[in-house]
């Protein structure tokens, strides 16, 4: 008896490979535009086989968003983000954010595309707001310490700075070269040369 190509593709899946494939499909079709049938087709397995690995689509989304958010919140708890001059901490946070984005590109891409249409997405958006507040506070501290121009609104600086960082998800392709360090260095040079007091 021969096995169908679909069944052959479905073999060997574990929770990690199911998650990785789901994130790819979510990014291609949008989370709301992806059905369990779409996921089953991409995985080469039946819908019932997916339920062996995960209770449902929203749990896959939650796991994927956790992968992105865990990186960010581990970073801002690091002593490099919590002690020392604010300008040095801010630079380190930007550098590490780029690194995390490149390391977890599909997961961060998905995080940046959530719109709050489910409880899981609303929770992720709240965590993103907490991260934004952390960065905005760093910018305020750096301005108060005299390292950043006081004439630029800290909330605006945060949006512009991380708008630049987050835009990497729209065009960056690892196969075309450009390391996380090179990307971070370019962003820091462009942004901080304009932000620093003279």
C-alpha atoms as a PDB file:
ATOM      1  CA  UNK A   1       0.000   0.000   0.000  1.00  0.00           C
ATOM      2  CA  UNK A   2       1.376   3.434  -0.956  1.00  0.00           C
ATOM      3  CA  UNK A   3       1.105   6.485   1.228  1.00  0.00           C
ATOM      4  CA  UNK A   4      -0.306   9.708  -0.194  1.00  0.00           C
ATOM      5  CA  UNK A   5       2.018  12.725  -0.432  1.00  0.00           C
ATOM      6  CA  UNK A   6      -0.221  14.575   2.025  1.00  0.00           C
ATOM      7  CA  UNK A   7       0.200  11.888   4.652  1.00  0.00           C
ATOM      8  CA  UNK A   8       3.932  11.729   4.045  1.00  0.00           C
ATOM      9  CA  UNK A   9       4.237  15.470   4.616  1.00  0.00           C
ATOM     10  CA  UNK A  10       2.255  15.171   7.815  1.00  0.00           C
ATOM     11  CA  UNK A  11       4.649  12.739   9.421  1.00  0.00           C
ATOM     12  CA  UNK A  12       7.141  13.842  12.010  1.00  0.00           C
ATOM     13  CA  UNK A  13       5.315  16.947  13.219  1.00  0.00           C
ATOM     14  CA  UNK A  14       5.865  18.012  16.800  1.00  0.00           C
ATOM     15  CA  UNK A  15       4.430  21.039  18.656  1.00  0.00           C
ATOM     16  CA  UNK A  16       7.341  23.215  17.509  1.00  0.00           C
ATOM     17  CA  UNK A  17       6.959  22.430  13.805  1.00  0.00           C
ATOM     18  CA  UNK A  18       3.180  22.868  14.037  1.00  0.00           C
ATOM     19  CA  UNK A  19       3.713  26.287  15.647  1.00  0.00           C
ATOM     20  CA  UNK A  20       6.308  27.352  13.073  1.00  0.00           C
ATOM     21  CA  UNK A  21       4.043  26.386  10.166  1.00  0.00           C
ATOM     22  CA  UNK A  22       1.032  28.077  11.768  1.00  0.00           C
ATOM     23  CA  UNK A  23       2.974  31.334  12.184  1.00  0.00           C
ATOM     24  CA  UNK A  24       4.038  31.213   8.536  1.00  0.00           C
ATOM     25  CA  UNK A  25       0.412  30.756   7.439  1.00  0.00           C
ATOM     26  CA  UNK A  26      -0.874  33.445   9.849  1.00  0.00           C
ATOM     27  CA  UNK A  27       1.669  35.903   8.415  1.00  0.00           C
ATOM     28  CA  UNK A  28       0.747  35.029   4.833  1.00  0.00           C
ATOM     29  CA  UNK A  29      -3.053  34.977   5.174  1.00  0.00           C
ATOM     30  CA  UNK A  30      -3.628  37.000   8.327  1.00  0.00           C
ATOM     31  CA  UNK A  31      -4.733  35.356  11.556  1.00  0.00           C
ATOM     32  CA  UNK A  32      -8.435  36.077  10.960  1.00  0.00           C
ATOM     33  CA  UNK A  33      -8.152  34.856   7.373  1.00  0.00           C
ATOM     34  CA  UNK A  34      -6.648  31.504   8.379  1.00  0.00           C
ATOM     35  CA  UNK A  35      -8.874  28.510   9.060  1.00  0.00           C
ATOM     36  CA  UNK A  36      -7.941  25.238  10.717  1.00  0.00           C
ATOM     37  CA  UNK A  37      -8.416  23.729   7.267  1.00  0.00           C
ATOM     38  CA  UNK A  38      -5.731  26.089   5.900  1.00  0.00           C
ATOM     39  CA  UNK A  39      -3.386  24.993   8.683  1.00  0.00           C
ATOM     40  CA  UNK A  40      -4.131  21.317   8.068  1.00  0.00           C
ATOM     41  CA  UNK A  41      -3.360  21.754   4.367  1.00  0.00           C
ATOM     42  CA  UNK A  42      -0.063  23.546   5.085  1.00  0.00           C
ATOM     43  CA  UNK A  43       0.955  20.859   7.571  1.00  0.00           C
ATOM     44  CA  UNK A  44      -0.149  17.981   5.367  1.00  0.00           C
ATOM     45  CA  UNK A  45      -2.337  16.518   8.079  1.00  0.00           C
ATOM     46  CA  UNK A  46      -5.987  16.324   9.003  1.00  0.00           C
ATOM     47  CA  UNK A  47      -7.658  18.919  11.225  1.00  0.00           C
ATOM     48  CA  UNK A  48      -8.181  16.267  13.897  1.00  0.00           C
ATOM     49  CA  UNK A  49      -4.435  15.535  13.863  1.00  0.00           C
ATOM     50  CA  UNK A  50      -3.695  19.206  14.611  1.00  0.00           C
ATOM     51  CA  UNK A  51      -5.873  18.978  17.718  1.00  0.00           C
ATOM     52  CA  UNK A  52      -3.483  16.306  18.981  1.00  0.00           C
ATOM     53  CA  UNK A  53      -0.860  19.075  19.222  1.00  0.00           C
ATOM     54  CA  UNK A  54      -2.964  22.092  20.209  1.00  0.00           C
ATOM     55  CA  UNK A  55      -6.529  22.763  21.426  1.00  0.00           C
ATOM     56  CA  UNK A  56      -7.242  25.304  18.681  1.00  0.00           C
ATOM     57  CA  UNK A  57      -6.150  28.191  16.478  1.00  0.00           C
ATOM     58  CA  UNK A  58      -6.132  30.821  19.231  1.00  0.00           C
ATOM     59  CA  UNK A  59      -3.800  28.711  21.381  1.00  0.00           C
ATOM     60  CA  UNK A  60      -1.371  28.596  18.447  1.00  0.00           C
ATOM     61  CA  UNK A  61      -1.607  32.389  18.229  1.00  0.00           C
ATOM     62  CA  UNK A  62      -1.003  32.721  21.987  1.00  0.00           C
ATOM     63  CA  UNK A  63       2.090  30.503  21.838  1.00  0.00           C
ATOM     64  CA  UNK A  64       3.444  32.449  18.872  1.00  0.00           C
ATOM     65  CA  UNK A  65       2.897  35.837  20.504  1.00  0.00           C
ATOM     66  CA  UNK A  66       4.476  34.589  23.737  1.00  0.00           C
ATOM     67  CA  UNK A  67       7.587  33.697  21.735  1.00  0.00           C
ATOM     68  CA  UNK A  68       7.932  37.324  20.623  1.00  0.00           C
ATOM     69  CA  UNK A  69       6.910  38.926  23.918  1.00  0.00           C
ATOM     70  CA  UNK A  70       9.111  36.680  26.081  1.00  0.00           C
ATOM     71  CA  UNK A  71      12.150  37.990  24.231  1.00  0.00           C
ATOM     72  CA  UNK A  72      11.188  41.615  24.805  1.00  0.00           C
ATOM     73  CA  UNK A  73      10.333  41.258  28.479  1.00  0.00           C
ATOM     74  CA  UNK A  74      13.405  39.181  29.257  1.00  0.00           C
ATOM     75  CA  UNK A  75      15.395  41.989  27.668  1.00  0.00           C
ATOM     76  CA  UNK A  76      13.883  44.849  29.692  1.00  0.00           C
ATOM     77  CA  UNK A  77      14.423  42.921  32.937  1.00  0.00           C
ATOM     78  CA  UNK A  78      18.143  42.594  32.146  1.00  0.00           C
ATOM     79  CA  UNK A  79      20.524  44.752  34.249  1.00  0.00           C
ATOM     80  CA  UNK A  80      21.741  46.355  30.993  1.00  0.00           C
ATOM     81  CA  UNK A  81      18.239  47.825  30.619  1.00  0.00           C
ATOM     82  CA  UNK A  82      17.737  48.754  34.271  1.00  0.00           C
ATOM     83  CA  UNK A  83      20.993  50.243  35.540  1.00  0.00           C
ATOM     84  CA  UNK A  84      23.444  52.848  34.356  1.00  0.00           C
ATOM     85  CA  UNK A  85      22.987  56.050  32.336  1.00  0.00           C
ATOM     86  CA  UNK A  86      19.609  56.121  30.584  1.00  0.00           C
ATOM     87  CA  UNK A  87      21.150  56.863  27.179  1.00  0.00           C
ATOM     88  CA  UNK A  88      23.305  53.715  27.396  1.00  0.00           C
ATOM     89  CA  UNK A  89      20.293  51.651  28.492  1.00  0.00           C
ATOM     90  CA  UNK A  90      18.201  53.053  25.645  1.00  0.00           C
ATOM     91  CA  UNK A  91      20.885  52.242  23.082  1.00  0.00           C
ATOM     92  CA  UNK A  92      21.185  48.718  24.483  1.00  0.00           C
ATOM     93  CA  UNK A  93      17.405  48.208  24.343  1.00  0.00           C
ATOM     94  CA  UNK A  94      17.314  49.320  20.708  1.00  0.00           C
ATOM     95  CA  UNK A  95      20.242  47.047  19.833  1.00  0.00           C
ATOM     96  CA  UNK A  96      18.712  44.027  21.619  1.00  0.00           C
ATOM     97  CA  UNK A  97      15.273  44.739  20.122  1.00  0.00           C
ATOM     98  CA  UNK A  98      16.742  44.509  16.621  1.00  0.00           C
ATOM     99  CA  UNK A  99      18.539  41.320  17.578  1.00  0.00           C
ATOM    100  CA  UNK A 100      15.362  39.732  18.989  1.00  0.00           C
ATOM    101  CA  UNK A 101      13.400  40.820  15.927  1.00  0.00           C
ATOM    102  CA  UNK A 102      15.913  39.171  13.582  1.00  0.00           C
ATOM    103  CA  UNK A 103      16.171  36.003  15.729  1.00  0.00           C
ATOM    104  CA  UNK A 104      12.376  35.650  16.031  1.00  0.00           C
ATOM    105  CA  UNK A 105      11.355  37.379  12.811  1.00  0.00           C
ATOM    106  CA  UNK A 106       8.128  35.461  12.011  1.00  0.00           C
ATOM    107  CA  UNK A 107       6.924  35.690  15.621  1.00  0.00           C
ATOM    108  CA  UNK A 108       7.632  39.427  15.974  1.00  0.00           C
ATOM    109  CA  UNK A 109       6.050  40.033  12.553  1.00  0.00           C
ATOM    110  CA  UNK A 110       2.884  38.341  13.779  1.00  0.00           C
ATOM    111  CA  UNK A 111       2.946  40.339  17.038  1.00  0.00           C
ATOM    112  CA  UNK A 112       3.138  43.602  15.113  1.00  0.00           C
ATOM    113  CA  UNK A 113       0.135  42.626  12.975  1.00  0.00           C
ATOM    114  CA  UNK A 114      -2.352  41.791  15.726  1.00  0.00           C
ATOM    115  CA  UNK A 115      -5.325  44.152  15.879  1.00  0.00           C
ATOM    116  CA  UNK A 116      -7.081  43.177  19.110  1.00  0.00           C
ATOM    117  CA  UNK A 117      -9.849  41.074  17.576  1.00  0.00           C
ATOM    118  CA  UNK A 118      -9.596  38.379  20.255  1.00  0.00           C
ATOM    119  CA  UNK A 119      -8.761  38.189  23.958  1.00  0.00           C
ATOM    120  CA  UNK A 120      -5.313  36.827  23.072  1.00  0.00           C
ATOM    121  CA  UNK A 121      -4.635  39.743  20.730  1.00  0.00           C
ATOM    122  CA  UNK A 122      -5.893  42.290  23.269  1.00  0.00           C
ATOM    123  CA  UNK A 123      -3.525  40.860  25.878  1.00  0.00           C
ATOM    124  CA  UNK A 124      -0.619  41.039  23.428  1.00  0.00           C
ATOM    125  CA  UNK A 125      -1.441  44.669  22.633  1.00  0.00           C
ATOM    126  CA  UNK A 126      -1.451  45.485  26.350  1.00  0.00           C
ATOM    127  CA  UNK A 127       2.013  43.930  26.720  1.00  0.00           C
ATOM    128  CA  UNK A 128       3.200  45.971  23.728  1.00  0.00           C
ATOM    129  CA  UNK A 129       1.901  49.133  25.419  1.00  0.00           C
ATOM    130  CA  UNK A 130       3.835  48.203  28.579  1.00  0.00           C
ATOM    131  CA  UNK A 131       6.989  47.843  26.493  1.00  0.00           C
ATOM    132  CA  UNK A 132       6.332  51.235  24.837  1.00  0.00           C
ATOM    133  CA  UNK A 133       5.897  52.847  28.270  1.00  0.00           C
ATOM    134  CA  UNK A 134       9.196  51.345  29.433  1.00  0.00           C
ATOM    135  CA  UNK A 135      11.021  52.784  26.427  1.00  0.00           C
ATOM    136  CA  UNK A 136       9.283  56.158  26.725  1.00  0.00           C
ATOM    137  CA  UNK A 137      10.394  56.337  30.367  1.00  0.00           C
ATOM    138  CA  UNK A 138      13.995  55.639  29.285  1.00  0.00           C
ATOM    139  CA  UNK A 139      13.783  58.456  26.748  1.00  0.00           C
ATOM    140  CA  UNK A 140      12.482  60.833  29.450  1.00  0.00           C
ATOM    141  CA  UNK A 141      15.304  59.803  31.774  1.00  0.00           C
ATOM    142  CA  UNK A 142      17.912  60.325  29.061  1.00  0.00           C
ATOM    143  CA  UNK A 143      16.484  63.806  28.387  1.00  0.00           C
ATOM    144  CA  UNK A 144      16.451  64.624  32.124  1.00  0.00           C
ATOM    145  CA  UNK A 145      20.090  63.506  32.363  1.00  0.00           C
ATOM    146  CA  UNK A 146      20.956  65.904  29.536  1.00  0.00           C
ATOM    147  CA  UNK A 147      21.841  63.275  26.903  1.00  0.00           C
ATOM    148  CA  UNK A 148      18.796  63.676  24.648  1.00  0.00           C
ATOM    149  CA  UNK A 149      17.432  66.925  23.276  1.00  0.00           C
ATOM    150  CA  UNK A 150      14.627  68.159  25.547  1.00  0.00           C
ATOM    151  CA  UNK A 151      12.697  69.753  22.646  1.00  0.00           C
ATOM    152  CA  UNK A 152      11.454  66.393  21.246  1.00  0.00           C
ATOM    153  CA  UNK A 153       8.475  64.695  22.899  1.00  0.00           C
ATOM    154  CA  UNK A 154       9.578  61.358  24.498  1.00  0.00           C
ATOM    155  CA  UNK A 155       6.422  59.537  23.372  1.00  0.00           C
ATOM    156  CA  UNK A 156       7.056  60.695  19.796  1.00  0.00           C
ATOM    157  CA  UNK A 157      10.706  59.624  20.017  1.00  0.00           C
ATOM    158  CA  UNK A 158       9.587  56.183  21.185  1.00  0.00           C
ATOM    159  CA  UNK A 159       7.103  55.808  18.317  1.00  0.00           C
ATOM    160  CA  UNK A 160       9.582  56.975  15.686  1.00  0.00           C
ATOM    161  CA  UNK A 161      12.469  54.928  17.061  1.00  0.00           C
ATOM    162  CA  UNK A 162      10.518  51.698  17.353  1.00  0.00           C
ATOM    163  CA  UNK A 163       8.565  52.419  14.193  1.00  0.00           C
ATOM    164  CA  UNK A 164      11.955  52.256  12.479  1.00  0.00           C
ATOM    165  CA  UNK A 165      12.948  49.073  14.323  1.00  0.00           C
ATOM    166  CA  UNK A 166       9.592  47.407  13.659  1.00  0.00           C
ATOM    167  CA  UNK A 167       9.651  48.295   9.958  1.00  0.00           C
ATOM    168  CA  UNK A 168      12.437  45.725   9.601  1.00  0.00           C
ATOM    169  CA  UNK A 169       9.749  43.015   9.631  1.00  0.00           C
ATOM    170  CA  UNK A 170       8.368  44.390   6.351  1.00  0.00           C
ATOM    171  CA  UNK A 171      11.531  44.189   4.269  1.00  0.00           C
ATOM    172  CA  UNK A 172      14.285  42.215   6.002  1.00  0.00           C
ATOM    173  CA  UNK A 173      15.255  38.902   4.426  1.00  0.00           C
ATOM    174  CA  UNK A 174      18.039  36.964   6.186  1.00  0.00           C
ATOM    175  CA  UNK A 175      19.077  35.326   2.896  1.00  0.00           C
ATOM    176  CA  UNK A 176      20.017  38.729   1.465  1.00  0.00           C
ATOM    177  CA  UNK A 177      22.540  39.458   4.192  1.00  0.00           C
ATOM    178  CA  UNK A 178      22.738  42.200   6.768  1.00  0.00           C
ATOM    179  CA  UNK A 179      23.257  41.030  10.323  1.00  0.00           C
ATOM    180  CA  UNK A 180      21.285  42.181  13.351  1.00  0.00           C
ATOM    181  CA  UNK A 181      24.382  44.087  14.522  1.00  0.00           C
ATOM    182  CA  UNK A 182      24.659  45.946  11.204  1.00  0.00           C
ATOM    183  CA  UNK A 183      20.957  46.838  11.242  1.00  0.00           C
ATOM    184  CA  UNK A 184      21.126  48.033  14.859  1.00  0.00           C
ATOM    185  CA  UNK A 185      24.252  50.087  14.185  1.00  0.00           C
ATOM    186  CA  UNK A 186      22.580  51.845  11.240  1.00  0.00           C
ATOM    187  CA  UNK A 187      19.456  52.639  13.277  1.00  0.00           C
ATOM    188  CA  UNK A 188      21.477  53.894  16.250  1.00  0.00           C
ATOM    189  CA  UNK A 189      23.651  56.088  14.034  1.00  0.00           C
ATOM    190  CA  UNK A 190      20.712  57.620  12.184  1.00  0.00           C
ATOM    191  CA  UNK A 191      18.487  58.103  15.232  1.00  0.00           C
ATOM    192  CA  UNK A 192      20.913  58.944  18.017  1.00  0.00           C
ATOM    193  CA  UNK A 193      23.039  61.391  16.055  1.00  0.00           C
ATOM    194  CA  UNK A 194      19.870  63.448  15.723  1.00  0.00           C
ATOM    195  CA  UNK A 195      18.698  62.894  19.307  1.00  0.00           C
ATOM    196  CA  UNK A 196      21.879  63.585  21.238  1.00  0.00           C
ATOM    197  CA  UNK A 197      22.535  66.992  22.720  1.00  0.00           C
ATOM    198  CA  UNK A 198      25.560  68.740  21.270  1.00  0.00           C
END
